[in-house]
Amino acid sequence: MEQQPQTDRTLNKMRDIPARAEDVAYDARAKLNETVEQISGKAREYVRYADRRVQQNPWTSVGIGFGVGVLFGALITMAISSQRSVIDRMMR
């Protein structure tokens, strides 16, 4: 039995590259789909939990939402005023 020259072996390996790349892409897509399904399932669980808690304690939920809104507004206000003072110093 005669050995193939190095160039023939290299050409055969190069011909296999698209098929191997397709297999790798298929496997990656399958793993990605599996991960997305797991994350989606967890997100649905958390949404159901939050919905139950809001249904059980509506006024507590309103209070928490109000508090978060005030905190978020205060942070935005501080960030804007801080940015303005930096710009004012740069302009002087």
C-alpha atoms as a PDB file:
ATOM      1  CA  MET A   1       0.000   0.000   0.000  1.00  0.00           C
ATOM      2  CA  GLU A   2       1.398   3.359  -1.039  1.00  0.00           C
ATOM      3  CA  GLN A   3       1.296   6.414   1.205  1.00  0.00           C
ATOM      4  CA  GLN A   4      -0.380   9.554  -0.062  1.00  0.00           C
ATOM      5  CA  PRO A   5       1.874  12.499  -0.629  1.00  0.00           C
ATOM      6  CA  GLN A   6       1.685  15.258   1.952  1.00  0.00           C
ATOM      7  CA  THR A   7      -0.199  17.575  -0.409  1.00  0.00           C
ATOM      8  CA  ASP A   8      -2.986  15.037  -0.958  1.00  0.00           C
ATOM      9  CA  ARG A   9      -3.436  14.575   2.783  1.00  0.00           C
ATOM     10  CA  THR A  10      -3.500  18.334   3.273  1.00  0.00           C
ATOM     11  CA  LEU A  11      -6.096  18.751   0.541  1.00  0.00           C
ATOM     12  CA  ASN A  12      -8.262  16.046   2.086  1.00  0.00           C
ATOM     13  CA  LYS A  13      -8.074  17.781   5.468  1.00  0.00           C
ATOM     14  CA  MET A  14      -8.987  21.095   3.850  1.00  0.00           C
ATOM     15  CA  ARG A  15     -12.004  19.480   2.213  1.00  0.00           C
ATOM     16  CA  ASP A  16     -13.165  18.262   5.628  1.00  0.00           C
ATOM     17  CA  ILE A  17     -13.068  21.754   7.155  1.00  0.00           C
ATOM     18  CA  PRO A  18     -16.555  22.892   5.997  1.00  0.00           C
ATOM     19  CA  ALA A  19     -18.189  19.725   7.306  1.00  0.00           C
ATOM     20  CA  ARG A  20     -16.405  20.027  10.649  1.00  0.00           C
ATOM     21  CA  ALA A  21     -17.290  23.714  10.879  1.00  0.00           C
ATOM     22  CA  GLU A  22     -20.929  22.862  10.198  1.00  0.00           C
ATOM     23  CA  ASP A  23     -20.873  20.243  12.965  1.00  0.00           C
ATOM     24  CA  VAL A  24     -19.333  22.710  15.411  1.00  0.00           C
ATOM     25  CA  ALA A  25     -21.908  25.373  14.489  1.00  0.00           C
ATOM     26  CA  TYR A  26     -24.753  22.866  14.906  1.00  0.00           C
ATOM     27  CA  ASP A  27     -23.463  21.799  18.338  1.00  0.00           C
ATOM     28  CA  ALA A  28     -23.015  25.418  19.426  1.00  0.00           C
ATOM     29  CA  ARG A  29     -26.543  26.258  18.290  1.00  0.00           C
ATOM     30  CA  ALA A  30     -27.958  23.281  20.196  1.00  0.00           C
ATOM     31  CA  LYS A  31     -26.135  24.319  23.387  1.00  0.00           C
ATOM     32  CA  LEU A  32     -27.285  27.907  22.936  1.00  0.00           C
ATOM     33  CA  ASN A  33     -30.905  26.809  22.512  1.00  0.00           C
ATOM     34  CA  GLU A  34     -30.657  24.652  25.625  1.00  0.00           C
ATOM     35  CA  THR A  35     -29.225  27.538  27.648  1.00  0.00           C
ATOM     36  CA  VAL A  36     -31.907  29.935  26.405  1.00  0.00           C
ATOM     37  CA  GLU A  37     -34.600  27.434  27.382  1.00  0.00           C
ATOM     38  CA  GLN A  38     -33.145  27.109  30.883  1.00  0.00           C
ATOM     39  CA  ILE A  39     -32.917  30.867  31.347  1.00  0.00           C
ATOM     40  CA  SER A  40     -36.434  31.356  29.985  1.00  0.00           C
ATOM     41  CA  GLY A  41     -37.772  28.761  32.406  1.00  0.00           C
ATOM     42  CA  LYS A  42     -36.108  30.462  35.367  1.00  0.00           C
ATOM     43  CA  ALA A  43     -37.387  33.869  34.236  1.00  0.00           C
ATOM     44  CA  ARG A  44     -40.931  32.503  34.014  1.00  0.00           C
ATOM     45  CA  GLU A  45     -40.604  31.102  37.551  1.00  0.00           C
ATOM     46  CA  TYR A  46     -39.438  34.469  38.888  1.00  0.00           C
ATOM     47  CA  VAL A  47     -42.265  36.296  37.119  1.00  0.00           C
ATOM     48  CA  ARG A  48     -44.841  33.913  38.584  1.00  0.00           C
ATOM     49  CA  TYR A  49     -43.332  34.366  42.047  1.00  0.00           C
ATOM     50  CA  ALA A  50     -43.359  38.159  41.743  1.00  0.00           C
ATOM     51  CA  ASP A  51     -46.943  38.098  40.476  1.00  0.00           C
ATOM     52  CA  ARG A  52     -48.068  35.992  43.440  1.00  0.00           C
ATOM     53  CA  ARG A  53     -46.302  38.300  45.902  1.00  0.00           C
ATOM     54  CA  VAL A  54     -47.851  41.414  44.342  1.00  0.00           C
ATOM     55  CA  GLN A  55     -51.298  39.788  44.422  1.00  0.00           C
ATOM     56  CA  GLN A  56     -50.837  38.901  48.103  1.00  0.00           C
ATOM     57  CA  ASN A  57     -49.467  42.312  49.150  1.00  0.00           C
ATOM     58  CA  PRO A  58     -50.556  44.999  46.677  1.00  0.00           C
ATOM     59  CA  TRP A  59     -49.911  48.006  48.945  1.00  0.00           C
ATOM     60  CA  THR A  60     -46.478  46.777  49.911  1.00  0.00           C
ATOM     61  CA  SER A  61     -45.697  46.448  46.214  1.00  0.00           C
ATOM     62  CA  VAL A  62     -46.890  50.003  45.576  1.00  0.00           C
ATOM     63  CA  GLY A  63     -44.700  51.276  48.413  1.00  0.00           C
ATOM     64  CA  ILE A  64     -41.657  49.415  47.135  1.00  0.00           C
ATOM     65  CA  GLY A  65     -42.255  50.744  43.627  1.00  0.00           C
ATOM     66  CA  PHE A  66     -42.583  54.284  44.971  1.00  0.00           C
ATOM     67  CA  GLY A  67     -39.363  53.947  47.002  1.00  0.00           C
ATOM     68  CA  VAL A  68     -37.421  52.571  44.061  1.00  0.00           C
ATOM     69  CA  GLY A  69     -38.728  55.402  41.863  1.00  0.00           C
ATOM     70  CA  VAL A  70     -37.667  58.057  44.391  1.00  0.00           C
ATOM     71  CA  LEU A  71     -34.233  56.463  44.768  1.00  0.00           C
ATOM     72  CA  PHE A  72     -33.760  56.193  41.013  1.00  0.00           C
ATOM     73  CA  GLY A  73     -34.854  59.818  40.534  1.00  0.00           C
ATOM     74  CA  ALA A  74     -32.440  60.997  43.238  1.00  0.00           C
ATOM     75  CA  LEU A  75     -29.561  59.105  41.644  1.00  0.00           C
ATOM     76  CA  ILE A  76     -30.335  60.580  38.220  1.00  0.00           C
ATOM     77  CA  THR A  77     -30.568  64.079  39.708  1.00  0.00           C
ATOM     78  CA  MET A  78     -27.227  63.666  41.483  1.00  0.00           C
ATOM     79  CA  ALA A  79     -25.574  62.341  38.339  1.00  0.00           C
ATOM     80  CA  ILE A  80     -26.844  65.235  36.235  1.00  0.00           C
ATOM     81  CA  SER A  81     -25.852  67.888  38.769  1.00  0.00           C
ATOM     82  CA  SER A  82     -22.420  66.294  39.188  1.00  0.00           C
ATOM     83  CA  GLN A  83     -21.913  66.246  35.451  1.00  0.00           C
ATOM     84  CA  ARG A  84     -22.970  69.904  35.181  1.00  0.00           C
ATOM     85  CA  SER A  85     -20.483  70.939  37.860  1.00  0.00           C
ATOM     86  CA  VAL A  86     -17.675  69.112  36.050  1.00  0.00           C
ATOM     87  CA  ILE A  87     -18.611  70.820  32.786  1.00  0.00           C
ATOM     88  CA  ASP A  88     -18.813  74.218  34.542  1.00  0.00           C
ATOM     89  CA  ARG A  89     -15.301  73.733  35.960  1.00  0.00           C
ATOM     90  CA  MET A  90     -13.973  72.781  32.546  1.00  0.00           C
ATOM     91  CA  MET A  91     -15.487  75.887  30.945  1.00  0.00           C
ATOM     92  CA  ARG A  92     -13.804  78.288  33.427  1.00  0.00           C
END
